[in-house]
Amino acid sequence: MSRIWQWLVGIAIALVSCAGRTASAQDAACPYLPQFETLRSTVENEPPLQALPRLYDYLADPANENPAACEPFEIERLIGEREIAMVTLAVEGRAPLHPDRAYHCDRIDPRTTRCDGMVADDTGHSDQLPKAGPISGRFVGSIRTTLPGARLVGVYRARLDDNFNARPAIRLDPRRPVAMTARPGDVLIAVFTAPAPFKVRKLVWYF
């Protein structure tokens, strides 16, 4: 029995060692550009309104293209975090609710609001994400933003289920306050147009 356990422990150690070498090899094979490392350090403690133009400009500049394509997902994350901080659902008597997710693309599907860009839109697969806030039942709220140059062009509601990506989202009037009865699994979607490097910003709240 002891020999079997020794054999199993040896395999486990070998697998861990191999995994470590694989991760290191991946890191070495996909290094960030020096200018991106500088940018990331610069925007880390900047207010979103100051950091976003830097991130937009970096992404739009062809001189920053990395042949190894290491930066796009990290830039998308950095941009999304700051855009989320600049959009709220304002409901009377409650603290402003920031979106749970942000997506970027050049064109949305007007039927389902799918917005595939550098990062695929997984709105319909995000039911395990932290929820936006403790809203249930009927509420009326307003979507507000301080995103530079952004214009709200669409508001939708949907419901998480197996047919999420096949079923049309319910379009609401973006010129009116959001009035809905929220239940667990409901989704509120705001679509903005804004300046480059993306034509569309899609912000998502989960209830």
N, C-alpha and C. Protein backbone atom coordinates (compact mmCIF):
# COMPACT_ATOMS: atom_id res chain seq x y z
N MET A 1 0.83 -1.20 0.00
CA MET A 1 0.00 0.00 0.00
C MET A 1 0.86 1.25 0.00
N SER A 2 1.98 1.23 0.77
CA SER A 2 2.83 2.41 0.88
C SER A 2 3.48 2.73 -0.47
N ARG A 3 3.81 1.68 -1.24
CA ARG A 3 4.41 1.92 -2.56
C ARG A 3 3.41 2.59 -3.49
N ILE A 4 2.14 2.19 -3.39
CA ILE A 4 1.11 2.81 -4.23
C ILE A 4 0.97 4.29 -3.90
N TRP A 5 0.94 4.59 -2.59
CA TRP A 5 0.83 6.00 -2.20
C TRP A 5 2.04 6.80 -2.64
N GLN A 6 3.23 6.21 -2.54
CA GLN A 6 4.43 6.90 -3.02
C GLN A 6 4.33 7.20 -4.51
N TRP A 7 3.81 6.24 -5.25
CA TRP A 7 3.65 6.41 -6.70
C TRP A 7 2.66 7.53 -7.01
N LEU A 8 1.51 7.56 -6.28
CA LEU A 8 0.51 8.60 -6.50
C LEU A 8 1.04 9.98 -6.15
N VAL A 9 1.76 10.07 -5.02
CA VAL A 9 2.35 11.36 -4.63
C VAL A 9 3.35 11.82 -5.68
N GLY A 10 4.12 10.90 -6.22
CA GLY A 10 5.09 11.26 -7.25
C GLY A 10 4.43 11.83 -8.49
N ILE A 11 3.30 11.21 -8.89
CA ILE A 11 2.56 11.71 -10.05
C ILE A 11 2.02 13.10 -9.78
N ALA A 12 1.47 13.31 -8.57
CA ALA A 12 0.90 14.62 -8.22
C ALA A 12 1.97 15.71 -8.27
N ILE A 13 3.14 15.41 -7.71
CA ILE A 13 4.22 16.40 -7.73
C ILE A 13 4.64 16.71 -9.16
N ALA A 14 4.69 15.70 -9.99
CA ALA A 14 5.09 15.90 -11.39
C ALA A 14 4.07 16.77 -12.11
N LEU A 15 2.77 16.53 -11.85
CA LEU A 15 1.73 17.32 -12.51
C LEU A 15 1.79 18.77 -12.08
N VAL A 16 1.99 19.03 -10.79
CA VAL A 16 2.09 20.41 -10.30
C VAL A 16 3.27 21.11 -10.92
N SER A 17 4.40 20.41 -10.98
CA SER A 17 5.60 20.99 -11.58
C SER A 17 5.39 21.32 -13.03
N CYS A 18 4.72 20.40 -13.75
CA CYS A 18 4.45 20.62 -15.17
C CYS A 18 3.53 21.81 -15.36
N ALA A 19 2.48 21.91 -14.51
CA ALA A 19 1.55 23.03 -14.62
C ALA A 19 2.26 24.34 -14.39
N GLY A 20 3.17 24.37 -13.40
CA GLY A 20 3.92 25.59 -13.14
C GLY A 20 4.77 26.01 -14.31
N ARG A 21 5.42 25.03 -14.94
CA ARG A 21 6.26 25.35 -16.10
C ARG A 21 5.39 25.83 -17.25
N THR A 22 4.19 25.23 -17.42
CA THR A 22 3.31 25.65 -18.50
C THR A 22 2.86 27.08 -18.32
N ALA A 23 2.44 27.46 -17.07
CA ALA A 23 2.02 28.83 -16.80
C ALA A 23 3.14 29.80 -17.05
N SER A 24 4.37 29.43 -16.59
CA SER A 24 5.52 30.31 -16.80
C SER A 24 5.81 30.48 -18.28
N ALA A 25 5.70 29.39 -19.02
CA ALA A 25 5.95 29.45 -20.46
C ALA A 25 4.94 30.35 -21.15
N GLN A 26 3.67 30.28 -20.70
CA GLN A 26 2.65 31.13 -21.29
C GLN A 26 2.93 32.59 -21.01
N ASP A 27 3.32 32.90 -19.74
CA ASP A 27 3.64 34.28 -19.38
C ASP A 27 4.79 34.80 -20.23
N ALA A 28 5.80 33.96 -20.41
CA ALA A 28 6.97 34.38 -21.17
C ALA A 28 6.63 34.55 -22.65
N ALA A 29 5.68 33.75 -23.13
CA ALA A 29 5.33 33.79 -24.55
C ALA A 29 4.44 34.98 -24.89
N CYS A 30 3.85 35.62 -23.88
CA CYS A 30 2.91 36.70 -24.14
C CYS A 30 3.19 37.89 -23.21
N PRO A 31 4.30 38.56 -23.40
CA PRO A 31 4.64 39.69 -22.52
C PRO A 31 3.88 40.95 -22.92
N TYR A 32 3.51 41.75 -21.92
CA TYR A 32 2.90 43.05 -22.19
C TYR A 32 3.96 44.00 -22.74
N LEU A 33 3.52 44.90 -23.60
CA LEU A 33 4.42 45.93 -24.11
C LEU A 33 4.80 46.88 -22.98
N PRO A 34 6.01 47.43 -23.02
CA PRO A 34 6.43 48.37 -21.95
C PRO A 34 5.48 49.55 -21.81
N GLN A 35 4.98 50.08 -22.94
CA GLN A 35 4.09 51.24 -22.84
C GLN A 35 2.76 50.88 -22.18
N PHE A 36 2.34 49.61 -22.32
CA PHE A 36 1.12 49.21 -21.64
C PHE A 36 1.34 49.07 -20.14
N GLU A 37 2.47 48.52 -19.76
CA GLU A 37 2.79 48.44 -18.34
C GLU A 37 2.80 49.83 -17.72
N THR A 38 3.36 50.80 -18.44
CA THR A 38 3.38 52.18 -17.95
C THR A 38 1.97 52.74 -17.84
N LEU A 39 1.15 52.49 -18.86
CA LEU A 39 -0.23 52.97 -18.84
C LEU A 39 -1.00 52.36 -17.67
N ARG A 40 -0.89 51.07 -17.49
CA ARG A 40 -1.64 50.40 -16.42
C ARG A 40 -1.26 50.95 -15.06
N SER A 41 0.02 51.22 -14.87
CA SER A 41 0.47 51.81 -13.61
C SER A 41 -0.06 53.23 -13.44
N THR A 42 -0.13 53.97 -14.55
CA THR A 42 -0.58 55.36 -14.49
C THR A 42 -2.05 55.48 -14.12
N VAL A 43 -2.90 54.63 -14.74
CA VAL A 43 -4.34 54.76 -14.54
C VAL A 43 -4.83 54.07 -13.26
N GLU A 44 -3.97 53.32 -12.61
CA GLU A 44 -4.40 52.52 -11.47
C GLU A 44 -5.11 53.35 -10.41
N ASN A 45 -4.58 54.52 -10.11
CA ASN A 45 -5.15 55.34 -9.04
C ASN A 45 -5.79 56.63 -9.55
N GLU A 46 -6.00 56.71 -10.86
CA GLU A 46 -6.63 57.89 -11.42
C GLU A 46 -8.15 57.77 -11.36
N PRO A 47 -8.87 58.89 -11.24
CA PRO A 47 -10.33 58.84 -11.35
C PRO A 47 -10.74 58.31 -12.72
N PRO A 48 -11.87 57.61 -12.81
CA PRO A 48 -12.30 57.04 -14.10
C PRO A 48 -12.37 58.07 -15.23
N LEU A 49 -12.85 59.26 -14.93
CA LEU A 49 -12.98 60.28 -15.97
C LEU A 49 -11.63 60.68 -16.55
N GLN A 50 -10.59 60.57 -15.77
CA GLN A 50 -9.25 60.89 -16.23
C GLN A 50 -8.58 59.69 -16.88
N ALA A 51 -8.86 58.51 -16.35
CA ALA A 51 -8.19 57.30 -16.86
C ALA A 51 -8.76 56.83 -18.19
N LEU A 52 -10.08 56.95 -18.38
CA LEU A 52 -10.70 56.41 -19.59
C LEU A 52 -10.12 56.96 -20.88
N PRO A 53 -9.96 58.28 -21.03
CA PRO A 53 -9.38 58.77 -22.29
C PRO A 53 -8.01 58.19 -22.58
N ARG A 54 -7.22 57.97 -21.55
CA ARG A 54 -5.90 57.36 -21.75
C ARG A 54 -6.05 55.94 -22.31
N LEU A 55 -6.97 55.18 -21.73
CA LEU A 55 -7.18 53.80 -22.18
C LEU A 55 -7.75 53.77 -23.58
N TYR A 56 -8.72 54.66 -23.87
CA TYR A 56 -9.28 54.73 -25.22
C TYR A 56 -8.20 55.06 -26.24
N ASP A 57 -7.39 56.08 -25.94
CA ASP A 57 -6.35 56.51 -26.88
C ASP A 57 -5.33 55.41 -27.12
N TYR A 58 -4.98 54.69 -26.05
CA TYR A 58 -4.01 53.61 -26.20
C TYR A 58 -4.55 52.54 -27.13
N LEU A 59 -5.79 52.15 -26.92
CA LEU A 59 -6.37 51.09 -27.72
C LEU A 59 -6.56 51.49 -29.17
N ALA A 60 -6.82 52.77 -29.41
CA ALA A 60 -7.07 53.24 -30.78
C ALA A 60 -5.79 53.49 -31.57
N ASP A 61 -4.64 53.50 -30.91
CA ASP A 61 -3.38 53.83 -31.57
C ASP A 61 -2.74 52.56 -32.15
N PRO A 62 -2.62 52.46 -33.48
CA PRO A 62 -2.01 51.27 -34.09
C PRO A 62 -0.59 51.00 -33.62
N ALA A 63 0.09 52.03 -33.16
CA ALA A 63 1.46 51.85 -32.69
C ALA A 63 1.53 50.97 -31.45
N ASN A 64 0.41 50.76 -30.79
CA ASN A 64 0.39 49.94 -29.57
C ASN A 64 -0.03 48.50 -29.83
N GLU A 65 -0.17 48.12 -31.08
CA GLU A 65 -0.53 46.74 -31.38
C GLU A 65 0.62 45.81 -31.03
N ASN A 66 0.31 44.79 -30.28
CA ASN A 66 1.29 43.81 -29.85
C ASN A 66 1.14 42.57 -30.73
N PRO A 67 2.18 42.16 -31.46
CA PRO A 67 2.07 40.96 -32.30
C PRO A 67 1.61 39.73 -31.52
N ALA A 68 1.92 39.69 -30.22
CA ALA A 68 1.50 38.56 -29.39
C ALA A 68 0.07 38.71 -28.89
N ALA A 69 -0.55 39.87 -29.14
CA ALA A 69 -1.96 40.12 -28.76
C ALA A 69 -2.20 39.86 -27.27
N CYS A 70 -1.32 40.37 -26.43
CA CYS A 70 -1.45 40.11 -25.00
C CYS A 70 -2.41 41.07 -24.29
N GLU A 71 -2.54 42.29 -24.76
CA GLU A 71 -3.22 43.32 -23.99
C GLU A 71 -4.74 43.42 -24.13
N PRO A 72 -5.35 43.02 -25.24
CA PRO A 72 -6.78 43.35 -25.45
C PRO A 72 -7.70 43.00 -24.30
N PHE A 73 -7.61 41.81 -23.72
CA PHE A 73 -8.53 41.42 -22.67
C PHE A 73 -8.30 42.23 -21.40
N GLU A 74 -7.04 42.54 -21.11
CA GLU A 74 -6.75 43.33 -19.92
C GLU A 74 -7.22 44.78 -20.12
N ILE A 75 -7.05 45.33 -21.31
CA ILE A 75 -7.55 46.68 -21.59
C ILE A 75 -9.07 46.70 -21.49
N GLU A 76 -9.71 45.69 -22.03
CA GLU A 76 -11.17 45.60 -21.94
C GLU A 76 -11.63 45.60 -20.49
N ARG A 77 -10.92 44.86 -19.66
CA ARG A 77 -11.28 44.81 -18.23
C ARG A 77 -11.10 46.17 -17.57
N LEU A 78 -9.97 46.82 -17.85
CA LEU A 78 -9.70 48.12 -17.25
C LEU A 78 -10.73 49.16 -17.68
N ILE A 79 -11.08 49.15 -18.96
CA ILE A 79 -12.09 50.08 -19.47
C ILE A 79 -13.44 49.78 -18.85
N GLY A 80 -13.83 48.50 -18.82
CA GLY A 80 -15.12 48.12 -18.28
C GLY A 80 -15.29 48.53 -16.82
N GLU A 81 -14.27 48.33 -16.01
CA GLU A 81 -14.33 48.71 -14.60
C GLU A 81 -14.63 50.20 -14.44
N ARG A 82 -14.00 51.00 -15.26
CA ARG A 82 -14.17 52.45 -15.14
C ARG A 82 -15.50 52.93 -15.72
N GLU A 83 -15.95 52.30 -16.78
CA GLU A 83 -17.25 52.66 -17.33
C GLU A 83 -18.37 52.27 -16.36
N ILE A 84 -18.23 51.13 -15.72
CA ILE A 84 -19.22 50.71 -14.72
C ILE A 84 -19.32 51.74 -13.60
N ALA A 85 -18.18 52.30 -13.22
CA ALA A 85 -18.17 53.29 -12.14
C ALA A 85 -18.85 54.59 -12.55
N MET A 86 -19.05 54.80 -13.86
CA MET A 86 -19.59 56.07 -14.36
C MET A 86 -21.03 55.94 -14.85
N VAL A 87 -21.66 54.80 -14.62
CA VAL A 87 -23.06 54.59 -15.00
C VAL A 87 -23.81 54.10 -13.76
N THR A 88 -25.01 54.63 -13.55
CA THR A 88 -25.80 54.21 -12.40
C THR A 88 -27.28 54.08 -12.77
N LEU A 89 -27.96 53.26 -11.99
CA LEU A 89 -29.42 53.22 -12.00
C LEU A 89 -29.86 53.91 -10.73
N ALA A 90 -30.47 55.07 -10.87
CA ALA A 90 -30.88 55.87 -9.72
C ALA A 90 -32.33 55.56 -9.37
N VAL A 91 -32.53 55.04 -8.15
CA VAL A 91 -33.87 54.72 -7.65
C VAL A 91 -34.07 55.49 -6.36
N GLU A 92 -35.19 56.20 -6.26
CA GLU A 92 -35.44 57.04 -5.09
C GLU A 92 -35.41 56.20 -3.81
N GLY A 93 -34.69 56.74 -2.82
CA GLY A 93 -34.60 56.06 -1.53
C GLY A 93 -33.52 55.01 -1.45
N ARG A 94 -32.77 54.82 -2.52
CA ARG A 94 -31.70 53.82 -2.52
C ARG A 94 -30.40 54.43 -3.02
N ALA A 95 -29.30 53.81 -2.64
CA ALA A 95 -28.01 54.23 -3.18
C ALA A 95 -27.97 53.91 -4.67
N PRO A 96 -27.27 54.72 -5.47
CA PRO A 96 -27.18 54.43 -6.91
C PRO A 96 -26.62 53.03 -7.16
N LEU A 97 -27.20 52.34 -8.12
CA LEU A 97 -26.79 50.98 -8.44
C LEU A 97 -25.92 50.99 -9.70
N HIS A 98 -24.68 50.56 -9.56
CA HIS A 98 -23.80 50.47 -10.71
C HIS A 98 -24.05 49.15 -11.44
N PRO A 99 -23.81 49.10 -12.75
CA PRO A 99 -24.00 47.84 -13.50
C PRO A 99 -23.06 46.75 -13.00
N ASP A 100 -23.41 45.52 -13.36
CA ASP A 100 -22.57 44.37 -13.03
C ASP A 100 -21.55 44.07 -14.11
N ARG A 101 -21.90 44.36 -15.37
CA ARG A 101 -20.99 44.04 -16.46
C ARG A 101 -21.02 45.14 -17.52
N ALA A 102 -19.93 45.23 -18.26
CA ALA A 102 -19.85 46.15 -19.40
C ALA A 102 -19.30 45.40 -20.60
N TYR A 103 -19.91 45.62 -21.76
CA TYR A 103 -19.46 45.02 -23.01
C TYR A 103 -19.26 46.12 -24.05
N HIS A 104 -18.41 45.85 -25.02
CA HIS A 104 -18.08 46.84 -26.04
C HIS A 104 -18.09 46.18 -27.42
N CYS A 105 -18.66 46.87 -28.37
CA CYS A 105 -18.70 46.34 -29.73
C CYS A 105 -18.96 47.49 -30.69
N ASP A 106 -18.96 47.20 -31.98
CA ASP A 106 -19.28 48.20 -33.00
C ASP A 106 -20.72 48.10 -33.46
N ARG A 107 -21.38 46.99 -33.12
CA ARG A 107 -22.78 46.83 -33.53
C ARG A 107 -23.43 45.80 -32.63
N ILE A 108 -24.64 46.13 -32.12
CA ILE A 108 -25.38 45.15 -31.34
C ILE A 108 -26.43 44.48 -32.22
N ASP A 109 -26.85 43.30 -31.79
CA ASP A 109 -28.00 42.66 -32.41
C ASP A 109 -29.24 43.37 -31.87
N PRO A 110 -30.01 44.07 -32.70
CA PRO A 110 -31.15 44.84 -32.18
C PRO A 110 -32.25 43.97 -31.60
N ARG A 111 -32.20 42.67 -31.87
CA ARG A 111 -33.23 41.76 -31.36
C ARG A 111 -32.90 41.27 -29.96
N THR A 112 -31.65 40.87 -29.75
CA THR A 112 -31.26 40.28 -28.47
C THR A 112 -30.32 41.15 -27.66
N THR A 113 -29.81 42.23 -28.24
CA THR A 113 -28.81 43.15 -27.67
C THR A 113 -27.43 42.51 -27.57
N ARG A 114 -27.20 41.39 -28.21
CA ARG A 114 -25.88 40.75 -28.15
C ARG A 114 -24.84 41.72 -28.70
N CYS A 115 -23.71 41.81 -27.97
CA CYS A 115 -22.66 42.79 -28.28
C CYS A 115 -21.31 42.10 -28.19
N ASP A 116 -20.88 41.49 -29.29
CA ASP A 116 -19.61 40.77 -29.31
C ASP A 116 -18.51 41.68 -29.84
N GLY A 117 -17.50 41.89 -29.05
CA GLY A 117 -16.34 42.67 -29.46
C GLY A 117 -15.08 41.87 -29.20
N MET A 118 -14.06 42.51 -28.61
CA MET A 118 -12.86 41.77 -28.25
C MET A 118 -13.19 40.67 -27.25
N VAL A 119 -14.18 40.95 -26.40
CA VAL A 119 -14.66 39.95 -25.44
C VAL A 119 -16.08 39.57 -25.82
N ALA A 120 -16.36 38.28 -25.90
CA ALA A 120 -17.69 37.81 -26.27
C ALA A 120 -18.71 38.19 -25.21
N ASP A 121 -19.91 38.51 -25.65
CA ASP A 121 -21.01 38.89 -24.76
C ASP A 121 -21.56 37.62 -24.10
N ASP A 122 -21.39 37.51 -22.78
CA ASP A 122 -21.92 36.34 -22.07
C ASP A 122 -23.02 36.74 -21.09
N THR A 123 -23.76 37.78 -21.45
CA THR A 123 -24.84 38.26 -20.58
C THR A 123 -25.74 37.12 -20.11
N GLY A 124 -26.10 36.25 -21.01
CA GLY A 124 -27.03 35.17 -20.68
C GLY A 124 -26.44 34.06 -19.84
N HIS A 125 -25.13 34.09 -19.60
CA HIS A 125 -24.48 33.04 -18.82
C HIS A 125 -23.93 33.58 -17.51
N SER A 126 -24.44 34.71 -17.05
CA SER A 126 -23.84 35.39 -15.91
C SER A 126 -24.72 35.35 -14.67
N ASP A 127 -25.54 34.33 -14.53
CA ASP A 127 -26.45 34.30 -13.38
C ASP A 127 -25.74 34.04 -12.07
N GLN A 128 -24.46 33.67 -12.10
CA GLN A 128 -23.73 33.45 -10.86
C GLN A 128 -22.97 34.69 -10.41
N LEU A 129 -23.04 35.77 -11.17
CA LEU A 129 -22.35 37.00 -10.80
C LEU A 129 -23.03 37.65 -9.61
N PRO A 130 -22.27 38.46 -8.84
CA PRO A 130 -22.91 39.23 -7.77
C PRO A 130 -24.01 40.11 -8.34
N LYS A 131 -25.10 40.23 -7.63
CA LYS A 131 -26.22 41.01 -8.11
C LYS A 131 -25.97 42.50 -7.90
N ALA A 132 -26.67 43.33 -8.67
CA ALA A 132 -26.44 44.77 -8.61
C ALA A 132 -26.88 45.37 -7.28
N GLY A 133 -27.93 44.85 -6.67
CA GLY A 133 -28.38 45.44 -5.43
C GLY A 133 -29.67 44.80 -4.97
N PRO A 134 -30.10 45.12 -3.76
CA PRO A 134 -31.27 44.45 -3.17
C PRO A 134 -32.59 45.06 -3.62
N ILE A 135 -32.83 45.06 -4.93
CA ILE A 135 -34.12 45.55 -5.44
C ILE A 135 -34.98 44.36 -5.82
N SER A 136 -36.17 44.34 -5.30
CA SER A 136 -37.15 43.35 -5.73
C SER A 136 -38.51 44.03 -5.74
N GLY A 137 -39.38 43.56 -6.59
CA GLY A 137 -40.69 44.19 -6.70
C GLY A 137 -40.66 45.41 -7.61
N ARG A 138 -41.70 46.19 -7.52
CA ARG A 138 -41.88 47.33 -8.41
C ARG A 138 -40.94 48.47 -8.05
N PHE A 139 -40.31 49.06 -9.07
CA PHE A 139 -39.51 50.26 -8.84
C PHE A 139 -39.51 51.12 -10.09
N VAL A 140 -39.17 52.38 -9.90
CA VAL A 140 -38.99 53.33 -11.00
C VAL A 140 -37.63 53.97 -10.82
N GLY A 141 -36.84 53.96 -11.86
CA GLY A 141 -35.49 54.51 -11.76
C GLY A 141 -35.05 55.17 -13.05
N SER A 142 -33.93 55.87 -12.98
CA SER A 142 -33.36 56.57 -14.13
C SER A 142 -31.93 56.11 -14.34
N ILE A 143 -31.58 55.86 -15.60
CA ILE A 143 -30.20 55.49 -15.94
C ILE A 143 -29.42 56.77 -16.19
N ARG A 144 -28.33 56.92 -15.47
CA ARG A 144 -27.52 58.12 -15.57
C ARG A 144 -26.07 57.76 -15.86
N THR A 145 -25.39 58.66 -16.55
CA THR A 145 -23.99 58.39 -16.89
C THR A 145 -23.18 59.68 -16.95
N THR A 146 -21.91 59.53 -16.65
CA THR A 146 -20.94 60.62 -16.85
C THR A 146 -19.88 60.19 -17.86
N LEU A 147 -20.18 59.15 -18.64
CA LEU A 147 -19.25 58.71 -19.69
C LEU A 147 -19.08 59.82 -20.71
N PRO A 148 -17.86 60.17 -21.05
CA PRO A 148 -17.64 61.28 -22.00
C PRO A 148 -18.27 60.98 -23.36
N GLY A 149 -19.11 61.88 -23.83
CA GLY A 149 -19.68 61.76 -25.16
C GLY A 149 -20.71 60.66 -25.33
N ALA A 150 -21.16 60.04 -24.23
CA ALA A 150 -22.09 58.91 -24.35
C ALA A 150 -23.52 59.40 -24.52
N ARG A 151 -24.29 58.61 -25.28
CA ARG A 151 -25.72 58.91 -25.48
C ARG A 151 -26.51 57.62 -25.33
N LEU A 152 -27.49 57.63 -24.45
CA LEU A 152 -28.32 56.45 -24.21
C LEU A 152 -29.26 56.26 -25.40
N VAL A 153 -29.13 55.12 -26.09
CA VAL A 153 -29.94 54.89 -27.29
C VAL A 153 -30.88 53.70 -27.14
N GLY A 154 -30.73 52.92 -26.09
CA GLY A 154 -31.60 51.76 -25.92
C GLY A 154 -31.62 51.27 -24.49
N VAL A 155 -32.80 50.89 -24.02
CA VAL A 155 -32.95 50.27 -22.71
C VAL A 155 -33.80 49.02 -22.92
N TYR A 156 -33.37 47.92 -22.33
CA TYR A 156 -34.04 46.64 -22.54
C TYR A 156 -34.15 45.89 -21.21
N ARG A 157 -35.10 45.00 -21.14
CA ARG A 157 -35.15 44.07 -20.04
C ARG A 157 -35.25 42.67 -20.61
N ALA A 158 -34.71 41.72 -19.87
CA ALA A 158 -34.72 40.33 -20.30
C ALA A 158 -34.72 39.45 -19.06
N ARG A 159 -34.78 38.16 -19.30
CA ARG A 159 -34.79 37.22 -18.18
C ARG A 159 -33.84 36.07 -18.47
N LEU A 160 -33.03 35.74 -17.48
CA LEU A 160 -32.07 34.65 -17.65
C LEU A 160 -32.78 33.31 -17.70
N ASP A 161 -32.55 32.58 -18.77
CA ASP A 161 -32.99 31.19 -18.87
C ASP A 161 -32.25 30.54 -20.03
N ASP A 162 -32.58 29.31 -20.33
CA ASP A 162 -31.84 28.58 -21.36
C ASP A 162 -31.97 29.18 -22.75
N ASN A 163 -33.03 29.96 -22.98
CA ASN A 163 -33.25 30.55 -24.31
C ASN A 163 -32.84 32.01 -24.39
N PHE A 164 -31.99 32.44 -23.45
CA PHE A 164 -31.67 33.87 -23.37
C PHE A 164 -31.17 34.43 -24.70
N ASN A 165 -30.24 33.74 -25.34
CA ASN A 165 -29.63 34.27 -26.56
C ASN A 165 -30.49 34.10 -27.81
N ALA A 166 -31.62 33.42 -27.68
CA ALA A 166 -32.50 33.21 -28.83
C ALA A 166 -33.78 34.04 -28.73
N ARG A 167 -34.09 34.51 -27.54
CA ARG A 167 -35.36 35.20 -27.33
C ARG A 167 -35.16 36.71 -27.42
N PRO A 168 -36.04 37.44 -28.07
CA PRO A 168 -35.90 38.90 -28.16
C PRO A 168 -35.95 39.55 -26.78
N ALA A 169 -35.12 40.56 -26.59
CA ALA A 169 -35.19 41.35 -25.36
C ALA A 169 -36.36 42.33 -25.48
N ILE A 170 -36.94 42.70 -24.36
CA ILE A 170 -38.06 43.64 -24.35
C ILE A 170 -37.51 45.06 -24.35
N ARG A 171 -37.84 45.80 -25.38
CA ARG A 171 -37.32 47.16 -25.50
C ARG A 171 -38.18 48.14 -24.70
N LEU A 172 -37.51 48.99 -23.92
CA LEU A 172 -38.17 50.04 -23.17
C LEU A 172 -37.85 51.39 -23.82
N ASP A 173 -38.61 52.40 -23.48
CA ASP A 173 -38.39 53.73 -24.04
C ASP A 173 -37.23 54.40 -23.30
N PRO A 174 -36.10 54.66 -23.98
CA PRO A 174 -34.95 55.25 -23.29
C PRO A 174 -35.18 56.69 -22.85
N ARG A 175 -36.26 57.31 -23.34
CA ARG A 175 -36.55 58.70 -22.96
C ARG A 175 -37.36 58.78 -21.67
N ARG A 176 -37.82 57.65 -21.19
CA ARG A 176 -38.65 57.61 -19.98
C ARG A 176 -37.91 56.90 -18.84
N PRO A 177 -38.31 57.18 -17.60
CA PRO A 177 -37.74 56.42 -16.48
C PRO A 177 -38.01 54.92 -16.64
N VAL A 178 -37.12 54.12 -16.08
CA VAL A 178 -37.29 52.66 -16.11
C VAL A 178 -38.32 52.28 -15.06
N ALA A 179 -39.40 51.66 -15.48
CA ALA A 179 -40.43 51.19 -14.56
C ALA A 179 -40.58 49.69 -14.76
N MET A 180 -40.27 48.90 -13.76
CA MET A 180 -40.35 47.46 -13.91
C MET A 180 -40.54 46.80 -12.56
N THR A 181 -40.99 45.58 -12.59
CA THR A 181 -41.09 44.76 -11.39
C THR A 181 -39.96 43.75 -11.44
N ALA A 182 -39.01 43.91 -10.55
CA ALA A 182 -37.79 43.09 -10.59
C ALA A 182 -37.99 41.80 -9.82
N ARG A 183 -37.59 40.70 -10.46
CA ARG A 183 -37.58 39.38 -9.83
C ARG A 183 -36.19 38.78 -9.99
N PRO A 184 -35.80 37.87 -9.13
CA PRO A 184 -34.50 37.22 -9.31
C PRO A 184 -34.40 36.61 -10.71
N GLY A 185 -33.32 36.92 -11.40
CA GLY A 185 -33.13 36.43 -12.76
C GLY A 185 -33.46 37.46 -13.81
N ASP A 186 -34.03 38.60 -13.42
CA ASP A 186 -34.30 39.67 -14.38
C ASP A 186 -33.01 40.41 -14.72
N VAL A 187 -32.96 40.94 -15.93
CA VAL A 187 -31.78 41.65 -16.42
C VAL A 187 -32.24 42.99 -17.01
N LEU A 188 -31.52 44.05 -16.67
CA LEU A 188 -31.74 45.36 -17.26
C LEU A 188 -30.51 45.73 -18.07
N ILE A 189 -30.73 46.20 -19.29
CA ILE A 189 -29.63 46.47 -20.22
C ILE A 189 -29.74 47.90 -20.72
N ALA A 190 -28.64 48.63 -20.65
CA ALA A 190 -28.57 49.98 -21.21
C ALA A 190 -27.54 50.00 -22.33
N VAL A 191 -27.91 50.55 -23.47
CA VAL A 191 -27.02 50.62 -24.62
C VAL A 191 -26.71 52.08 -24.91
N PHE A 192 -25.43 52.39 -24.98
CA PHE A 192 -24.96 53.74 -25.25
C PHE A 192 -24.15 53.76 -26.54
N THR A 193 -24.25 54.85 -27.28
CA THR A 193 -23.25 55.14 -28.30
C THR A 193 -22.26 56.11 -27.67
N ALA A 194 -21.01 56.01 -28.09
CA ALA A 194 -19.96 56.86 -27.52
C ALA A 194 -18.80 56.90 -28.51
N PRO A 195 -17.87 57.83 -28.31
CA PRO A 195 -16.74 57.95 -29.25
C PRO A 195 -15.85 56.71 -29.28
N ALA A 196 -14.94 56.68 -30.26
CA ALA A 196 -13.99 55.57 -30.42
C ALA A 196 -13.25 55.32 -29.10
N PRO A 197 -12.74 54.10 -28.91
CA PRO A 197 -12.51 53.06 -29.91
C PRO A 197 -13.67 52.09 -30.13
N PHE A 198 -14.79 52.24 -29.40
CA PHE A 198 -15.95 51.38 -29.62
C PHE A 198 -17.13 52.25 -30.00
N LYS A 199 -18.01 51.74 -30.84
CA LYS A 199 -19.20 52.50 -31.20
C LYS A 199 -20.32 52.29 -30.18
N VAL A 200 -20.31 51.13 -29.51
CA VAL A 200 -21.40 50.78 -28.61
C VAL A 200 -20.85 50.35 -27.26
N ARG A 201 -21.50 50.81 -26.19
CA ARG A 201 -21.25 50.32 -24.84
C ARG A 201 -22.54 49.71 -24.33
N LYS A 202 -22.46 48.51 -23.80
CA LYS A 202 -23.62 47.81 -23.26
C LYS A 202 -23.37 47.56 -21.78
N LEU A 203 -24.23 48.10 -20.92
CA LEU A 203 -24.10 47.95 -19.47
C LEU A 203 -25.26 47.08 -18.97
N VAL A 204 -24.96 46.17 -18.04
CA VAL A 204 -25.93 45.15 -17.62
C VAL A 204 -26.07 45.12 -16.10
N TRP A 205 -27.33 45.15 -15.65
CA TRP A 205 -27.65 44.94 -14.23
C TRP A 205 -28.38 43.61 -14.07
N TYR A 206 -28.04 42.86 -13.01
CA TYR A 206 -28.73 41.62 -12.69
C TYR A 206 -29.53 41.79 -11.40
N PHE A 207 -30.71 41.22 -11.35
CA PHE A 207 -31.57 41.31 -10.18
C PHE A 207 -31.83 39.92 -9.59
